[in-house]
């Protein structure tokens, strides 16, 4: 579940996974990306492991496994409303979001 490539297409963030699968989401749903310009969204870094995405200028960080589990708002990550199965499918569920320097505005 790691990122091989990330790009913008038709107002969506598209993530091509190393497994060959593709995942996409509208940035309007993601904390820290909703009001970003296409230029700012295009400035994304993939961590060397492929498990994390960083928008330095937007001060937004996401874990690829968490995105695949539907966690677009990092405040929800610790929400008790997620089922045990959902939590079990996100590695390091109780760990801070990757990297731990995320600051919500």
N, C-alpha and C. Protein backbone atom coordinates (compact mmCIF):
# COMPACT_ATOMS: atom_id res chain seq x y z
N UNK A 1 0.83 -1.18 0.00
CA UNK A 1 0.00 0.00 0.00
C UNK A 1 0.87 1.25 0.00
N UNK A 2 1.81 1.31 -0.91
CA UNK A 2 2.65 2.50 -0.97
C UNK A 2 2.53 3.15 -2.34
N UNK A 3 2.80 4.43 -2.35
CA UNK A 3 2.63 5.27 -3.53
C UNK A 3 3.80 5.13 -4.50
N UNK A 4 3.49 4.95 -5.75
CA UNK A 4 4.50 4.95 -6.79
C UNK A 4 4.51 6.30 -7.50
N UNK A 5 3.32 6.89 -7.67
CA UNK A 5 3.18 8.15 -8.40
C UNK A 5 1.94 8.87 -7.89
N UNK A 6 2.01 10.21 -7.85
CA UNK A 6 0.86 11.01 -7.46
C UNK A 6 0.76 12.18 -8.41
N UNK A 7 -0.46 12.51 -8.80
CA UNK A 7 -0.67 13.63 -9.73
C UNK A 7 -2.10 14.14 -9.60
N UNK A 8 -2.37 15.28 -10.22
CA UNK A 8 -3.70 15.86 -10.26
C UNK A 8 -4.33 15.57 -11.60
N UNK A 9 -5.61 15.22 -11.59
CA UNK A 9 -6.33 14.97 -12.83
C UNK A 9 -7.80 15.29 -12.60
N UNK A 10 -8.32 16.22 -13.38
CA UNK A 10 -9.75 16.58 -13.31
C UNK A 10 -10.18 16.88 -11.87
N UNK A 11 -9.48 17.76 -11.21
CA UNK A 11 -9.81 18.18 -9.85
C UNK A 11 -9.80 17.03 -8.83
N UNK A 12 -8.94 16.05 -9.05
CA UNK A 12 -8.78 14.96 -8.10
C UNK A 12 -7.29 14.71 -7.88
N UNK A 13 -6.96 14.30 -6.68
CA UNK A 13 -5.61 13.82 -6.38
C UNK A 13 -5.63 12.33 -6.70
N UNK A 14 -4.73 11.91 -7.58
CA UNK A 14 -4.69 10.51 -8.02
C UNK A 14 -3.39 9.89 -7.52
N UNK A 15 -3.51 8.75 -6.87
CA UNK A 15 -2.36 8.03 -6.34
C UNK A 15 -2.28 6.68 -7.03
N UNK A 16 -1.21 6.45 -7.76
CA UNK A 16 -0.94 5.13 -8.33
C UNK A 16 -0.11 4.36 -7.32
N UNK A 17 -0.60 3.22 -6.90
CA UNK A 17 0.08 2.42 -5.90
C UNK A 17 1.06 1.46 -6.55
N UNK A 18 2.07 1.07 -5.79
CA UNK A 18 3.07 0.12 -6.30
C UNK A 18 2.43 -1.22 -6.66
N UNK A 19 1.27 -1.52 -6.09
CA UNK A 19 0.57 -2.77 -6.38
C UNK A 19 -0.09 -2.75 -7.75
N UNK A 20 -0.18 -1.55 -8.37
CA UNK A 20 -0.86 -1.41 -9.64
C UNK A 20 -2.25 -0.83 -9.51
N UNK A 21 -2.78 -0.75 -8.30
CA UNK A 21 -4.09 -0.15 -8.05
C UNK A 21 -3.98 1.37 -8.09
N UNK A 22 -5.10 2.03 -8.31
CA UNK A 22 -5.16 3.50 -8.33
C UNK A 22 -6.24 3.95 -7.36
N UNK A 23 -5.94 5.01 -6.62
CA UNK A 23 -6.87 5.60 -5.66
C UNK A 23 -6.93 7.09 -5.95
N UNK A 24 -8.12 7.69 -5.87
CA UNK A 24 -8.22 9.14 -6.06
C UNK A 24 -9.25 9.71 -5.11
N UNK A 25 -9.10 11.02 -4.83
CA UNK A 25 -10.04 11.72 -3.98
C UNK A 25 -10.04 13.20 -4.35
N UNK A 26 -11.16 13.88 -4.13
CA UNK A 26 -11.19 15.32 -4.37
C UNK A 26 -10.50 16.04 -3.21
N UNK A 27 -9.58 16.95 -3.49
CA UNK A 27 -8.87 17.63 -2.41
C UNK A 27 -9.79 18.40 -1.48
N UNK A 28 -10.98 18.75 -1.93
CA UNK A 28 -11.92 19.48 -1.08
C UNK A 28 -12.31 18.66 0.15
N UNK A 29 -12.14 17.35 0.11
CA UNK A 29 -12.48 16.50 1.25
C UNK A 29 -11.35 16.32 2.24
N UNK A 30 -10.16 16.73 1.89
CA UNK A 30 -8.99 16.45 2.72
C UNK A 30 -8.57 17.68 3.53
N UNK A 31 -8.39 17.45 4.81
CA UNK A 31 -7.97 18.52 5.71
C UNK A 31 -6.66 19.12 5.24
N UNK A 32 -6.64 20.44 5.05
CA UNK A 32 -5.43 21.14 4.64
C UNK A 32 -5.29 21.31 3.14
N UNK A 33 -6.10 20.59 2.35
CA UNK A 33 -5.99 20.67 0.90
C UNK A 33 -7.19 21.37 0.26
N UNK A 34 -8.26 21.56 1.01
CA UNK A 34 -9.52 22.04 0.46
C UNK A 34 -9.41 23.37 -0.28
N UNK A 35 -8.66 24.30 0.23
CA UNK A 35 -8.58 25.63 -0.38
C UNK A 35 -7.31 25.83 -1.19
N UNK A 36 -6.59 24.77 -1.44
CA UNK A 36 -5.31 24.88 -2.14
C UNK A 36 -5.50 25.09 -3.64
N UNK A 37 -4.58 25.83 -4.21
CA UNK A 37 -4.58 26.04 -5.66
C UNK A 37 -4.03 24.78 -6.34
N UNK A 38 -4.33 24.59 -7.63
CA UNK A 38 -3.75 23.46 -8.35
C UNK A 38 -2.22 23.46 -8.30
N UNK A 39 -1.64 24.65 -8.33
CA UNK A 39 -0.18 24.75 -8.28
C UNK A 39 0.35 24.24 -6.94
N UNK A 40 -0.33 24.62 -5.84
CA UNK A 40 0.09 24.16 -4.51
C UNK A 40 -0.11 22.65 -4.37
N UNK A 41 -1.21 22.14 -4.91
CA UNK A 41 -1.47 20.70 -4.84
C UNK A 41 -0.43 19.90 -5.62
N UNK A 42 0.09 20.49 -6.69
CA UNK A 42 1.08 19.81 -7.52
C UNK A 42 2.43 19.68 -6.82
N UNK A 43 2.66 20.49 -5.78
CA UNK A 43 3.93 20.45 -5.05
C UNK A 43 3.84 19.46 -3.89
N UNK A 44 3.77 18.21 -4.21
CA UNK A 44 3.66 17.15 -3.20
C UNK A 44 4.90 16.27 -3.25
N UNK A 45 5.33 15.83 -2.09
CA UNK A 45 6.48 14.94 -1.98
C UNK A 45 6.00 13.58 -1.48
N UNK A 46 6.54 12.54 -2.05
CA UNK A 46 6.28 11.17 -1.59
C UNK A 46 7.47 10.77 -0.74
N UNK A 47 7.22 10.22 0.44
CA UNK A 47 8.32 9.79 1.29
C UNK A 47 9.08 8.65 0.60
N UNK A 48 10.34 8.44 0.96
CA UNK A 48 11.12 7.38 0.31
C UNK A 48 10.46 6.00 0.38
N UNK A 49 9.74 5.71 1.45
CA UNK A 49 9.07 4.41 1.58
C UNK A 49 7.83 4.33 0.72
N UNK A 50 7.30 5.49 0.30
CA UNK A 50 6.07 5.54 -0.47
C UNK A 50 4.82 5.51 0.39
N UNK A 51 4.99 5.47 1.71
CA UNK A 51 3.85 5.38 2.62
C UNK A 51 3.32 6.73 3.08
N UNK A 52 4.00 7.82 2.76
CA UNK A 52 3.57 9.14 3.21
C UNK A 52 3.59 10.17 2.10
N UNK A 53 2.69 11.14 2.21
CA UNK A 53 2.61 12.25 1.26
C UNK A 53 2.74 13.54 2.04
N UNK A 54 3.52 14.48 1.52
CA UNK A 54 3.77 15.75 2.22
C UNK A 54 3.57 16.91 1.27
N UNK A 55 2.70 17.83 1.68
CA UNK A 55 2.54 19.11 1.00
C UNK A 55 3.17 20.16 1.91
N UNK A 56 4.46 20.42 1.71
CA UNK A 56 5.23 21.32 2.58
C UNK A 56 4.58 22.70 2.68
N UNK A 57 4.29 23.31 1.54
CA UNK A 57 3.73 24.67 1.52
C UNK A 57 2.38 24.74 2.22
N UNK A 58 1.62 23.66 2.17
CA UNK A 58 0.29 23.63 2.78
C UNK A 58 0.32 23.09 4.21
N UNK A 59 1.50 22.62 4.65
CA UNK A 59 1.67 22.03 5.97
C UNK A 59 0.66 20.90 6.18
N UNK A 60 0.57 20.02 5.18
CA UNK A 60 -0.36 18.89 5.23
C UNK A 60 0.38 17.60 4.94
N UNK A 61 0.12 16.59 5.75
CA UNK A 61 0.77 15.30 5.63
C UNK A 61 -0.28 14.20 5.72
N UNK A 62 -0.13 13.19 4.89
CA UNK A 62 -1.07 12.08 4.91
C UNK A 62 -0.31 10.77 4.79
N UNK A 63 -0.83 9.76 5.45
CA UNK A 63 -0.33 8.40 5.32
C UNK A 63 -1.14 7.74 4.21
N UNK A 64 -0.47 7.07 3.28
CA UNK A 64 -1.17 6.40 2.18
C UNK A 64 -2.11 5.33 2.72
N UNK A 65 -1.69 4.48 3.68
CA UNK A 65 -2.64 3.49 4.21
C UNK A 65 -3.87 4.15 4.86
N UNK A 66 -3.69 5.29 5.54
CA UNK A 66 -4.84 5.97 6.15
C UNK A 66 -5.77 6.52 5.08
N UNK A 67 -5.21 7.07 4.00
CA UNK A 67 -6.06 7.57 2.91
C UNK A 67 -6.88 6.42 2.31
N UNK A 68 -6.24 5.28 2.12
CA UNK A 68 -6.95 4.12 1.57
C UNK A 68 -8.06 3.65 2.50
N UNK A 69 -7.90 3.90 3.79
CA UNK A 69 -8.92 3.53 4.77
C UNK A 69 -10.00 4.60 4.88
N UNK A 70 -9.84 5.70 4.12
CA UNK A 70 -10.85 6.74 4.12
C UNK A 70 -10.64 7.85 5.11
N UNK A 71 -9.46 7.93 5.71
CA UNK A 71 -9.17 8.98 6.69
C UNK A 71 -8.64 10.21 5.95
N UNK A 72 -9.55 11.13 5.62
CA UNK A 72 -9.17 12.35 4.92
C UNK A 72 -9.04 13.53 5.86
N UNK A 73 -9.61 13.41 7.03
CA UNK A 73 -9.53 14.46 8.05
C UNK A 73 -8.76 13.86 9.21
N UNK A 74 -7.54 14.38 9.45
CA UNK A 74 -6.67 13.77 10.46
C UNK A 74 -7.26 13.84 11.86
N UNK A 75 -8.23 14.74 12.09
CA UNK A 75 -8.89 14.78 13.39
C UNK A 75 -9.71 13.51 13.59
N UNK A 76 -10.18 12.91 12.49
CA UNK A 76 -10.98 11.69 12.58
C UNK A 76 -10.14 10.48 12.91
N UNK A 77 -8.85 10.59 12.75
CA UNK A 77 -7.99 9.42 12.92
C UNK A 77 -8.14 8.79 14.30
N UNK A 78 -8.39 9.60 15.30
CA UNK A 78 -8.54 9.07 16.65
C UNK A 78 -10.00 8.92 17.04
N UNK A 79 -10.90 9.05 16.08
CA UNK A 79 -12.33 8.97 16.33
C UNK A 79 -12.72 7.56 16.77
N UNK A 80 -13.51 7.48 17.81
CA UNK A 80 -13.97 6.18 18.32
C UNK A 80 -14.99 5.56 17.36
N UNK A 81 -15.48 6.31 16.37
CA UNK A 81 -16.49 5.81 15.45
C UNK A 81 -15.98 4.81 14.44
N UNK A 82 -14.66 4.65 14.31
CA UNK A 82 -14.12 3.67 13.37
C UNK A 82 -14.22 2.28 13.98
N UNK A 83 -14.59 1.32 13.16
CA UNK A 83 -14.74 -0.05 13.64
C UNK A 83 -13.36 -0.66 13.93
N UNK A 84 -13.33 -1.73 14.73
CA UNK A 84 -12.06 -2.41 14.98
C UNK A 84 -11.42 -2.92 13.69
N UNK A 85 -12.23 -3.32 12.73
CA UNK A 85 -11.69 -3.79 11.45
C UNK A 85 -11.01 -2.64 10.71
N UNK A 86 -11.66 -1.46 10.68
CA UNK A 86 -11.04 -0.31 10.03
C UNK A 86 -9.73 0.05 10.72
N UNK A 87 -9.72 0.07 12.04
CA UNK A 87 -8.50 0.41 12.77
C UNK A 87 -7.42 -0.63 12.53
N UNK A 88 -7.79 -1.90 12.45
CA UNK A 88 -6.82 -2.98 12.25
C UNK A 88 -6.18 -2.90 10.87
N UNK A 89 -6.86 -2.30 9.92
CA UNK A 89 -6.34 -2.22 8.56
C UNK A 89 -5.47 -0.99 8.32
N UNK A 90 -5.28 -0.16 9.33
CA UNK A 90 -4.41 1.01 9.21
C UNK A 90 -3.21 0.79 10.11
N UNK A 91 -2.03 0.56 9.52
CA UNK A 91 -0.84 0.33 10.34
C UNK A 91 -0.60 1.50 11.30
N UNK A 92 -0.19 1.18 12.50
CA UNK A 92 0.14 2.20 13.51
C UNK A 92 -1.01 3.16 13.75
N UNK A 93 -2.22 2.62 13.88
CA UNK A 93 -3.42 3.44 14.05
C UNK A 93 -3.25 4.48 15.15
N UNK A 94 -2.68 4.10 16.28
CA UNK A 94 -2.58 5.01 17.41
C UNK A 94 -1.37 5.93 17.34
N UNK A 95 -0.52 5.74 16.35
CA UNK A 95 0.66 6.60 16.19
C UNK A 95 0.22 7.93 15.60
N UNK A 96 1.01 8.99 15.82
CA UNK A 96 0.66 10.27 15.20
C UNK A 96 0.71 10.15 13.68
N UNK A 97 -0.05 10.98 12.96
CA UNK A 97 -0.01 10.94 11.50
C UNK A 97 1.41 11.12 10.98
N UNK A 98 1.70 10.56 9.82
CA UNK A 98 3.05 10.65 9.24
C UNK A 98 3.22 11.95 8.50
N UNK A 99 4.30 12.66 8.63
CA UNK A 99 5.17 12.63 9.81
C UNK A 99 4.51 13.34 10.98
N UNK A 100 5.09 13.23 12.13
CA UNK A 100 4.44 13.73 13.35
C UNK A 100 4.45 15.24 13.47
N UNK A 101 4.88 15.94 12.44
CA UNK A 101 4.96 17.40 12.50
C UNK A 101 3.71 18.09 11.95
N UNK A 102 2.64 17.32 11.68
CA UNK A 102 1.42 17.91 11.12
C UNK A 102 0.81 18.87 12.14
N UNK A 103 0.39 20.03 11.67
CA UNK A 103 -0.29 21.01 12.53
C UNK A 103 -1.59 21.39 11.85
N UNK A 104 -2.71 21.09 12.49
CA UNK A 104 -4.02 21.46 11.93
C UNK A 104 -4.22 22.96 12.10
N UNK A 105 -4.81 23.57 11.09
CA UNK A 105 -5.08 25.02 11.16
C UNK A 105 -6.41 25.29 11.78
